[in-house]
Amino acid sequence: MNTPASHSTTASPHAAPLSKAMVRRIVFSSSIGNALEWFDFLVYGYFATIIAKQFFPMQDEWLSTLLAIATFGISFLMRPLGAIVLGVYGDRKGRKAALTLAIALMMVGTFTMAVMPPFSSIGLAAPVLVLLARLVQGFAVGGEFGSATAFMVEHSATRRGYYASWQFASQGLAAITAAAFGALLTAWLPAEHLNSWGWRVPFVFGLLVGPVGYYIRSHLDETPEFLALREQRAASEAAGERKVGTETKDASFSNQWVNLVLAIGIVAQSTVGVYVLQLYMPLYAVKQLHMAAAASFGVVVLNGGMQFIFSPIMGALSDRIGRIRIMLTTSILMGLLIYPMFAWLQTHPTIGWLLALQAVAGIFKASYSGPMPALMSEIFPTQVRSTGLSIGYSIGVTIFGGFAPTIVETFIHLTGDKLAPSYYVLLAAVLSGVSLVIVAVRMRRVRPLPGDVQPA
């Protein structure tokens, strides 16, 4: 049986510590693509009803909205393909090369949404082109998480939890920004202006941020671990050898299937926390709880703020006390509390209780997701880390996140049960909890430590 992180190639422990300026560059460059991705996806979800009227006009309003949400979900089908292509590219050509290519492709989707004429102007071409743009963006995003996480963790053997936690802290910042756009535009613009051009403003903003991220990424240095691995590969090829130092058979991705399945299970709770408790909640608050749209966006700002603040804290804490302890505790608490919280909100549909639910959900999301990228990076060896992270995360997001709003909305429409979001979150918490227990057992078989396995 292959063993998590037991064959990692790591940078020298005697490498000079990174300066604060370098840490900022690493964190910002690795997080900017993730933030842009989530900003774009969240904005699409927040303005789904308007986008439905612009590109998917139907006589049945519910069907029109469902088509818009489904188009959002279909883009996730491209994630596994992008994860394979860009993940392998990152493992062979370098993390920097994969990150630069990913953000360039990502901007295609954002540009399309910013400038695409509506159905009333160009007919069927409008929804088709929107769908194609979402597919391209889904492909790019598929390789973003793995390459960015590998880039961050491979710069430090002792602060991996803290560095990698900025992947999800950046998602919190993206949620704050996207929800702020939604609230301000909804509150300030007349309905006709919001429907005609106002909803495009956030996409234009995202389009302006993209080139900055591309420029910074294209001027970064490669990670020490990957450079060491590339040197070993070059030396091996020069010597005519088939093996590369510590790169054994276990480092081949064909022997990582168990780790891949576990990584997918670990991703479930984090993904559902975003797509149900962040992305879907404004629509849920308006349609099911009959709240004002501007107020529902303000609730997401609170959730994103909790994630932005607590993700780095919990990531840093995981470097000290262990990642699985924190994540498994969060899974248990989420499983126990999510149904009662939604049941209470159902009987007390006020903005105050919605704020309370989002605050708790935001803390749980940060506590689970902050340590998660570092734990996933330690499951896979350096030689296949980008590929493993990209595929595991992309498949997990595709299965549990991409169609989550569609599934929940359809379930409510067919059954009338407004507690459907809690069922979905509960299922994900149970699955992730079981996956974490299995990972903990496998790690202790390899290296019996009082805490989680640490980088080799």
Protein backbone atom coordinates (compact mmCIF):
# COMPACT_ATOMS: atom_id res chain seq x y z
CA MET A 1 0.00 0.00 0.00
CA ASN A 2 1.29 3.40 -0.92
CA THR A 3 1.75 5.73 2.02
CA PRO A 4 0.89 9.41 2.25
CA ALA A 5 3.81 11.78 2.10
CA SER A 6 6.32 9.05 2.80
CA HIS A 7 8.29 9.69 -0.39
CA SER A 8 8.20 13.47 -0.60
CA THR A 9 11.15 15.32 -1.95
CA THR A 10 11.59 18.38 0.20
CA ALA A 11 13.74 21.44 0.27
CA SER A 12 16.74 21.49 2.46
CA PRO A 13 15.93 22.15 6.09
CA HIS A 14 18.87 24.51 6.16
CA ALA A 15 17.47 26.82 3.50
CA ALA A 16 17.41 30.47 4.44
CA PRO A 17 14.09 31.61 5.94
CA LEU A 18 11.85 33.59 3.64
CA SER A 19 11.65 37.35 4.04
CA LYS A 20 8.31 38.96 4.81
CA ALA A 21 8.28 40.54 1.36
CA MET A 22 8.82 37.14 -0.28
CA VAL A 23 6.09 35.57 1.86
CA ARG A 24 3.68 38.27 0.75
CA ARG A 25 4.56 37.69 -2.91
CA ILE A 26 4.11 33.93 -2.57
CA VAL A 27 0.78 34.22 -0.78
CA PHE A 28 -0.62 36.94 -3.05
CA SER A 29 0.46 35.36 -6.32
CA SER A 30 -0.86 31.94 -5.33
CA SER A 31 -4.14 33.27 -3.93
CA ILE A 32 -5.05 35.81 -6.61
CA GLY A 33 -6.21 33.19 -9.11
CA ASN A 34 -8.25 31.39 -6.48
CA ALA A 35 -9.82 34.66 -5.37
CA LEU A 36 -10.62 35.65 -8.97
CA GLU A 37 -12.15 32.23 -9.59
CA TRP A 38 -14.45 32.41 -6.59
CA PHE A 39 -15.33 36.04 -7.16
CA ASP A 40 -16.45 35.22 -10.69
CA PHE A 41 -18.39 32.12 -9.64
CA LEU A 42 -20.07 33.83 -6.70
CA VAL A 43 -21.08 36.85 -8.79
CA TYR A 44 -22.56 34.51 -11.39
CA GLY A 45 -24.55 32.77 -8.67
CA TYR A 46 -25.68 35.99 -7.01
CA PHE A 47 -26.99 37.42 -10.28
CA ALA A 48 -28.31 34.08 -11.56
CA THR A 49 -31.90 35.34 -11.85
CA ILE A 50 -30.82 38.31 -14.01
CA ILE A 51 -28.42 36.20 -16.09
CA ALA A 52 -31.28 33.76 -16.64
CA LYS A 53 -33.43 36.53 -18.15
CA GLN A 54 -30.54 37.87 -20.25
CA PHE A 55 -29.30 34.59 -21.75
CA PHE A 56 -31.88 31.87 -20.97
CA PRO A 57 -35.33 33.49 -21.40
CA MET A 58 -38.16 31.01 -20.78
CA GLN A 59 -41.85 31.40 -20.05
CA ASP A 60 -41.38 29.49 -16.80
CA GLU A 61 -39.23 31.68 -14.52
CA TRP A 62 -38.14 28.73 -12.39
CA LEU A 63 -36.98 26.80 -15.47
CA SER A 64 -35.10 29.86 -16.75
CA THR A 65 -33.27 30.23 -13.42
CA LEU A 66 -32.55 26.50 -13.34
CA LEU A 67 -30.95 26.66 -16.81
CA ALA A 68 -28.70 29.51 -15.69
CA ILE A 69 -27.66 27.61 -12.55
CA ALA A 70 -27.17 24.40 -14.55
CA THR A 71 -24.85 26.23 -16.96
CA PHE A 72 -22.88 27.29 -13.91
CA GLY A 73 -22.73 23.64 -12.85
CA ILE A 74 -21.82 22.23 -16.28
CA SER A 75 -18.54 24.16 -16.20
CA PHE A 76 -17.50 21.92 -13.32
CA LEU A 77 -17.51 18.92 -15.65
CA MET A 78 -14.39 20.41 -17.26
CA ARG A 79 -12.57 20.66 -13.95
CA PRO A 80 -11.28 17.06 -13.86
CA LEU A 81 -9.93 17.40 -17.40
CA GLY A 82 -8.25 20.69 -16.54
CA ALA A 83 -6.90 19.11 -13.35
CA ILE A 84 -5.28 16.29 -15.30
CA VAL A 85 -3.79 18.48 -18.04
CA LEU A 86 -2.65 21.41 -15.89
CA GLY A 87 -1.74 19.17 -12.94
CA VAL A 88 0.59 17.05 -15.05
CA TYR A 89 1.89 20.22 -16.69
CA GLY A 90 2.67 21.64 -13.25
CA ASP A 91 4.48 18.48 -12.16
CA ARG A 92 6.60 18.42 -15.33
CA LYS A 93 7.16 22.05 -16.25
CA GLY A 94 6.81 23.68 -12.85
CA ARG A 95 4.22 25.22 -10.55
CA LYS A 96 4.88 28.72 -11.92
CA ALA A 97 4.18 27.67 -15.53
CA ALA A 98 0.88 26.04 -14.58
CA LEU A 99 -0.24 29.02 -12.48
CA THR A 100 0.49 31.49 -15.28
CA LEU A 101 -1.41 29.45 -17.87
CA ALA A 102 -4.37 28.88 -15.53
CA ILE A 103 -5.01 32.54 -14.79
CA ALA A 104 -4.72 33.45 -18.48
CA LEU A 105 -7.43 30.93 -19.38
CA MET A 106 -9.52 31.98 -16.38
CA MET A 107 -9.80 35.51 -17.70
CA VAL A 108 -11.54 34.21 -20.85
CA GLY A 109 -14.68 33.37 -18.89
CA THR A 110 -14.67 36.67 -17.02
CA PHE A 111 -14.20 38.63 -20.26
CA THR A 112 -17.08 36.80 -21.93
CA MET A 113 -19.52 37.60 -19.13
CA ALA A 114 -18.45 41.24 -19.14
CA VAL A 115 -19.07 41.84 -22.86
CA MET A 116 -21.47 39.15 -24.13
CA PRO A 117 -24.62 40.58 -25.80
CA PRO A 118 -27.92 39.20 -24.46
CA PHE A 119 -30.23 36.66 -26.10
CA SER A 120 -32.42 39.47 -27.43
CA SER A 121 -29.49 40.76 -29.51
CA ILE A 122 -27.77 37.66 -30.92
CA GLY A 123 -30.25 34.88 -30.19
CA LEU A 124 -29.12 31.34 -29.48
CA ALA A 125 -25.46 32.29 -29.87
CA ALA A 126 -25.59 34.08 -26.50
CA PRO A 127 -26.27 31.05 -24.25
CA VAL A 128 -23.99 28.84 -26.37
CA LEU A 129 -21.04 31.26 -26.06
CA VAL A 130 -21.68 31.73 -22.34
CA LEU A 131 -21.63 27.95 -21.92
CA LEU A 132 -18.37 27.62 -23.88
CA ALA A 133 -16.77 30.37 -21.80
CA ARG A 134 -17.80 28.62 -18.58
CA LEU A 135 -16.28 25.39 -19.89
CA VAL A 136 -12.95 27.11 -20.63
CA GLN A 137 -12.95 28.66 -17.19
CA GLY A 138 -13.81 25.35 -15.58
CA PHE A 139 -10.84 23.79 -17.38
CA ALA A 140 -8.51 26.52 -16.08
CA VAL A 141 -9.83 26.37 -12.54
CA GLY A 142 -9.32 22.59 -12.53
CA GLY A 143 -5.56 23.02 -12.34
CA GLU A 144 -5.52 26.17 -10.20
CA PHE A 145 -5.92 24.66 -6.74
CA GLY A 146 -3.26 21.97 -7.10
CA SER A 147 -0.60 24.19 -8.62
CA ALA A 148 -1.24 27.10 -6.24
CA THR A 149 -1.28 24.89 -3.14
CA ALA A 150 1.86 23.05 -4.18
CA PHE A 151 3.54 26.39 -4.86
CA MET A 152 2.77 27.64 -1.35
CA VAL A 153 3.57 24.53 0.68
CA GLU A 154 6.83 23.84 -1.15
CA HIS A 155 8.32 27.09 0.11
CA SER A 156 8.21 26.02 3.76
CA ALA A 157 8.49 22.70 5.60
CA THR A 158 7.26 24.09 8.92
CA ARG A 159 4.49 26.60 8.07
CA ARG A 160 2.62 24.71 5.38
CA GLY A 161 -0.71 24.98 7.15
CA TYR A 162 -0.46 28.75 7.44
CA TYR A 163 0.73 29.35 3.87
CA ALA A 164 -1.81 27.02 2.24
CA SER A 165 -4.68 28.39 4.36
CA TRP A 166 -4.59 31.56 2.27
CA GLN A 167 -6.20 29.55 -0.51
CA PHE A 168 -9.45 29.69 1.46
CA ALA A 169 -8.82 33.01 3.13
CA SER A 170 -8.74 34.43 -0.39
CA GLN A 171 -12.10 32.76 -1.04
CA GLY A 172 -13.47 34.59 1.98
CA LEU A 173 -12.17 37.88 0.61
CA ALA A 174 -13.71 37.05 -2.77
CA ALA A 175 -17.04 36.31 -1.08
CA ILE A 176 -16.92 39.65 0.75
CA THR A 177 -16.16 41.55 -2.46
CA ALA A 178 -18.73 39.70 -4.57
CA ALA A 179 -21.47 40.08 -1.97
CA ALA A 180 -20.60 43.75 -1.51
CA PHE A 181 -21.03 44.30 -5.24
CA GLY A 182 -24.34 42.44 -5.13
CA ALA A 183 -25.66 44.40 -2.17
CA LEU A 184 -24.55 47.82 -3.43
CA LEU A 185 -25.74 47.33 -7.00
CA THR A 186 -29.07 45.89 -5.87
CA ALA A 187 -29.65 48.72 -3.41
CA TRP A 188 -28.43 51.68 -5.52
CA LEU A 189 -29.41 50.90 -9.11
CA PRO A 190 -32.96 50.99 -10.44
CA ALA A 191 -34.18 47.56 -11.53
CA GLU A 192 -34.01 48.41 -15.26
CA HIS A 193 -30.37 49.56 -15.00
CA LEU A 194 -29.38 46.54 -12.91
CA ASN A 195 -30.97 44.18 -15.42
CA SER A 196 -29.51 45.90 -18.49
CA TRP A 197 -25.91 46.64 -17.50
CA GLY A 198 -25.42 46.83 -13.71
CA TRP A 199 -24.92 43.09 -13.25
CA ARG A 200 -21.88 43.26 -15.59
CA VAL A 201 -19.96 45.67 -13.33
CA PRO A 202 -18.49 42.95 -11.05
CA PHE A 203 -17.25 40.99 -14.08
CA VAL A 204 -15.51 44.12 -15.39
CA PHE A 205 -13.86 44.51 -11.98
CA GLY A 206 -12.67 40.89 -12.10
CA LEU A 207 -11.35 41.46 -15.61
CA LEU A 208 -9.19 44.33 -14.31
CA VAL A 209 -7.74 42.21 -11.48
CA GLY A 210 -6.77 39.29 -13.73
CA PRO A 211 -3.85 40.94 -15.59
CA VAL A 212 -2.29 41.99 -12.27
CA GLY A 213 -2.26 38.38 -11.11
CA TYR A 214 -0.86 37.23 -14.46
CA TYR A 215 1.99 39.73 -14.31
CA ILE A 216 2.97 38.80 -10.76
CA ARG A 217 2.85 35.07 -11.44
CA SER A 218 4.96 35.37 -14.59
CA HIS A 219 7.75 37.04 -12.55
CA LEU A 220 7.91 34.51 -9.68
CA ASP A 221 10.69 32.05 -8.91
CA GLU A 222 10.00 28.33 -8.96
CA THR A 223 9.67 26.45 -5.65
CA PRO A 224 12.81 24.99 -3.99
CA GLU A 225 11.30 21.50 -3.84
CA PHE A 226 10.45 21.41 -7.54
CA LEU A 227 13.88 22.80 -8.49
CA ALA A 228 15.55 20.08 -6.43
CA LEU A 229 13.36 17.47 -8.06
CA ARG A 230 14.16 18.80 -11.54
CA GLU A 231 17.88 18.65 -10.80
CA GLN A 232 17.54 15.05 -9.67
CA ARG A 233 15.63 14.18 -12.82
CA ALA A 234 18.28 15.82 -15.01
CA ALA A 235 21.04 13.96 -13.19
CA SER A 236 19.19 10.69 -13.55
CA GLU A 237 18.64 11.20 -17.27
CA ALA A 238 22.30 12.06 -17.73
CA ALA A 239 23.27 8.86 -15.94
CA GLY A 240 20.75 6.82 -17.91
CA GLU A 241 18.91 5.74 -14.77
CA ARG A 242 15.22 5.07 -14.52
CA LYS A 243 14.78 6.04 -10.87
CA VAL A 244 15.33 9.50 -9.45
CA GLY A 245 16.80 9.39 -5.95
CA THR A 246 13.85 8.97 -3.65
CA GLU A 247 11.39 8.94 -6.56
CA THR A 248 10.25 5.35 -6.20
CA LYS A 249 7.41 3.38 -7.67
CA ASP A 250 5.11 4.72 -4.93
CA ALA A 251 5.62 8.24 -6.31
CA SER A 252 3.95 7.24 -9.59
CA PHE A 253 0.43 8.59 -9.82
CA SER A 254 -0.84 5.15 -10.83
CA ASN A 255 -0.23 4.12 -7.20
CA GLN A 256 -2.13 7.05 -5.68
CA TRP A 257 -5.72 5.93 -6.18
CA VAL A 258 -6.48 5.34 -2.51
CA ASN A 259 -5.06 8.74 -1.62
CA LEU A 260 -7.07 10.29 -4.45
CA VAL A 261 -10.35 8.84 -3.17
CA LEU A 262 -9.57 10.06 0.35
CA ALA A 263 -8.73 13.53 -0.97
CA ILE A 264 -12.09 13.68 -2.75
CA GLY A 265 -13.86 12.74 0.48
CA ILE A 266 -11.95 15.38 2.43
CA VAL A 267 -12.97 18.07 -0.07
CA ALA A 268 -16.71 17.34 0.34
CA GLN A 269 -17.41 19.38 3.49
CA SER A 270 -15.35 22.37 2.40
CA THR A 271 -17.01 22.46 -1.02
CA VAL A 272 -20.56 22.17 0.27
CA GLY A 273 -19.80 24.91 2.79
CA VAL A 274 -19.07 27.26 -0.12
CA TYR A 275 -21.69 26.28 -2.67
CA VAL A 276 -24.61 25.83 -0.29
CA LEU A 277 -23.84 28.15 2.64
CA GLN A 278 -22.26 30.97 0.60
CA LEU A 279 -23.29 30.79 -3.04
CA TYR A 280 -26.84 29.51 -2.64
CA MET A 281 -27.84 31.36 0.54
CA PRO A 282 -28.73 34.74 -1.07
CA LEU A 283 -31.10 32.96 -3.47
CA TYR A 284 -32.45 30.85 -0.58
CA ALA A 285 -32.99 33.90 1.61
CA VAL A 286 -34.91 35.74 -1.11
CA LYS A 287 -36.99 32.87 -2.53
CA GLN A 288 -37.59 30.69 0.53
CA LEU A 289 -37.35 33.13 3.45
CA HIS A 290 -38.71 36.16 1.51
CA MET A 291 -35.97 38.53 2.66
CA ALA A 292 -34.69 41.61 0.84
CA ALA A 293 -31.91 40.87 -1.65
CA ALA A 294 -29.58 43.52 -0.25
CA ALA A 295 -29.91 42.08 3.27
CA SER A 296 -29.15 38.56 2.04
CA PHE A 297 -25.91 39.76 0.41
CA GLY A 298 -24.88 41.39 3.67
CA VAL A 299 -25.17 38.02 5.39
CA VAL A 300 -22.66 36.50 2.95
CA VAL A 301 -20.23 39.32 3.74
CA LEU A 302 -20.31 38.13 7.35
CA ASN A 303 -19.67 34.52 6.32
CA GLY A 304 -16.79 35.55 4.03
CA GLY A 305 -15.33 37.77 6.74
CA MET A 306 -15.23 34.87 9.18
CA GLN A 307 -13.52 32.73 6.56
CA PHE A 308 -10.99 35.45 5.71
CA ILE A 309 -10.06 36.04 9.36
CA PHE A 310 -10.11 32.53 10.77
CA SER A 311 -8.65 30.46 7.88
CA PRO A 312 -5.03 31.67 8.42
CA ILE A 313 -5.47 31.34 12.19
CA MET A 314 -6.64 27.75 11.93
CA GLY A 315 -4.01 26.96 9.31
CA ALA A 316 -1.26 28.25 11.60
CA LEU A 317 -2.78 26.35 14.54
CA SER A 318 -2.73 23.15 12.50
CA ASP A 319 1.05 23.52 12.16
CA ARG A 320 1.23 23.23 15.94
CA ILE A 321 -1.45 20.75 17.06
CA GLY A 322 -2.27 18.77 13.90
CA ARG A 323 -4.62 19.25 10.98
CA ILE A 324 -6.86 16.22 11.44
CA ARG A 325 -7.71 17.09 15.04
CA ILE A 326 -9.07 20.47 13.99
CA MET A 327 -10.85 19.27 10.84
CA LEU A 328 -12.46 16.19 12.38
CA THR A 329 -13.76 18.20 15.34
CA THR A 330 -15.30 20.65 12.88
CA SER A 331 -16.95 17.84 10.87
CA ILE A 332 -18.55 16.44 14.02
CA LEU A 333 -19.84 19.84 15.15
CA MET A 334 -21.17 20.66 11.69
CA GLY A 335 -22.99 17.33 11.51
CA LEU A 336 -24.59 17.86 14.91
CA LEU A 337 -25.62 21.49 14.51
CA ILE A 338 -26.52 22.14 10.87
CA TYR A 339 -30.05 20.64 10.95
CA PRO A 340 -31.10 22.37 14.20
CA MET A 341 -29.77 25.70 12.88
CA PHE A 342 -31.80 25.46 9.65
CA ALA A 343 -34.86 24.21 11.52
CA TRP A 344 -34.68 27.21 13.84
CA LEU A 345 -34.21 29.55 10.87
CA GLN A 346 -37.25 27.94 9.23
CA THR A 347 -39.45 28.82 12.19
CA HIS A 348 -37.75 32.20 12.82
CA PRO A 349 -36.98 33.59 9.31
CA THR A 350 -35.39 36.85 10.42
CA ILE A 351 -32.23 38.57 9.31
CA GLY A 352 -30.83 38.20 12.83
CA TRP A 353 -31.05 34.43 12.86
CA LEU A 354 -29.74 34.23 9.31
CA LEU A 355 -26.75 36.28 10.47
CA ALA A 356 -26.23 33.88 13.37
CA LEU A 357 -26.32 30.84 11.06
CA GLN A 358 -23.87 32.42 8.64
CA ALA A 359 -21.50 33.42 11.44
CA VAL A 360 -21.36 29.88 12.79
CA ALA A 361 -21.09 28.41 9.29
CA GLY A 362 -18.27 30.84 8.45
CA ILE A 363 -16.25 29.80 11.52
CA PHE A 364 -16.82 26.12 10.75
CA LYS A 365 -15.84 26.66 7.11
CA ALA A 366 -12.59 28.40 8.13
CA SER A 367 -11.75 25.82 10.79
CA TYR A 368 -12.13 22.99 8.29
CA SER A 369 -10.81 24.59 5.12
CA GLY A 370 -7.86 26.47 6.63
CA PRO A 371 -5.82 23.31 7.38
CA MET A 372 -7.24 21.31 4.44
CA PRO A 373 -4.86 22.27 1.58
CA ALA A 374 -1.78 21.46 3.67
CA LEU A 375 -3.22 18.09 4.71
CA MET A 376 -4.04 17.25 1.10
CA SER A 377 -0.54 18.27 0.00
CA GLU A 378 0.95 15.87 2.56
CA ILE A 379 -1.08 12.98 1.19
CA PHE A 380 0.69 13.12 -2.18
CA PRO A 381 4.46 12.90 -2.88
CA THR A 382 6.19 15.91 -4.44
CA GLN A 383 6.56 14.19 -7.82
CA VAL A 384 2.78 13.97 -8.32
CA ARG A 385 1.60 16.60 -5.84
CA SER A 386 0.22 19.10 -8.34
CA THR A 387 -1.60 16.36 -10.25
CA GLY A 388 -3.00 14.71 -7.13
CA LEU A 389 -4.15 17.96 -5.56
CA SER A 390 -5.71 19.21 -8.79
CA ILE A 391 -7.59 16.00 -9.60
CA GLY A 392 -8.70 15.30 -6.04
CA TYR A 393 -9.96 18.82 -5.48
CA SER A 394 -11.59 19.16 -8.92
CA ILE A 395 -13.46 15.87 -8.74
CA GLY A 396 -14.59 16.66 -5.20
CA VAL A 397 -15.85 20.10 -6.19
CA THR A 398 -17.55 18.71 -9.31
CA ILE A 399 -19.37 15.96 -7.41
CA PHE A 400 -20.36 17.86 -4.29
CA GLY A 401 -20.33 21.51 -5.35
CA GLY A 402 -20.98 22.16 -9.01
CA PHE A 403 -24.60 21.07 -9.01
CA ALA A 404 -25.29 21.63 -5.30
CA PRO A 405 -27.49 24.74 -5.85
CA THR A 406 -29.36 22.91 -8.64
CA ILE A 407 -29.93 19.82 -6.51
CA VAL A 408 -31.05 21.76 -3.44
CA GLU A 409 -33.32 24.10 -5.40
CA THR A 410 -34.89 21.17 -7.28
CA PHE A 411 -35.45 19.22 -4.07
CA ILE A 412 -37.21 22.18 -2.47
CA HIS A 413 -39.30 22.76 -5.61
CA LEU A 414 -40.44 19.11 -5.77
CA THR A 415 -40.97 18.41 -2.06
CA GLY A 416 -41.54 21.81 -0.50
CA ASP A 417 -39.04 20.92 2.25
CA LYS A 418 -37.05 24.10 2.93
CA LEU A 419 -34.57 22.21 5.15
CA ALA A 420 -32.97 20.64 2.07
CA PRO A 421 -29.69 22.63 2.44
CA SER A 422 -29.11 21.11 5.89
CA TYR A 423 -29.46 17.56 4.52
CA TYR A 424 -26.84 18.21 1.88
CA VAL A 425 -24.38 19.77 4.34
CA LEU A 426 -24.94 16.94 6.85
CA LEU A 427 -24.17 14.30 4.21
CA ALA A 428 -20.92 16.06 3.28
CA ALA A 429 -19.86 16.39 6.94
CA VAL A 430 -20.34 12.65 7.53
CA LEU A 431 -18.42 11.70 4.38
CA SER A 432 -15.51 14.04 5.17
CA GLY A 433 -15.39 12.86 8.78
CA VAL A 434 -15.07 9.23 7.69
CA SER A 435 -12.35 10.17 5.17
CA LEU A 436 -10.37 12.02 7.84
CA VAL A 437 -10.51 9.03 10.18
CA ILE A 438 -9.17 6.75 7.43
CA VAL A 439 -6.37 9.21 6.60
CA ALA A 440 -5.43 9.41 10.29
CA VAL A 441 -5.21 5.60 10.53
CA ARG A 442 -3.10 5.35 7.38
CA MET A 443 -0.73 8.07 8.53
CA ARG A 444 -0.18 6.47 11.94
CA ARG A 445 0.63 3.16 10.30
CA VAL A 446 3.44 4.89 8.49
CA ARG A 447 4.67 7.12 11.30
CA PRO A 448 3.07 6.83 14.76
CA LEU A 449 3.10 10.43 15.99
CA PRO A 450 1.06 12.11 18.70
CA GLY A 451 -0.23 14.56 16.06
CA ASP A 452 -0.66 14.46 12.30
CA VAL A 453 2.11 13.40 9.98
CA GLN A 454 4.51 16.26 9.29
CA PRO A 455 6.37 16.88 6.01
CA ALA A 456 9.22 14.43 5.48
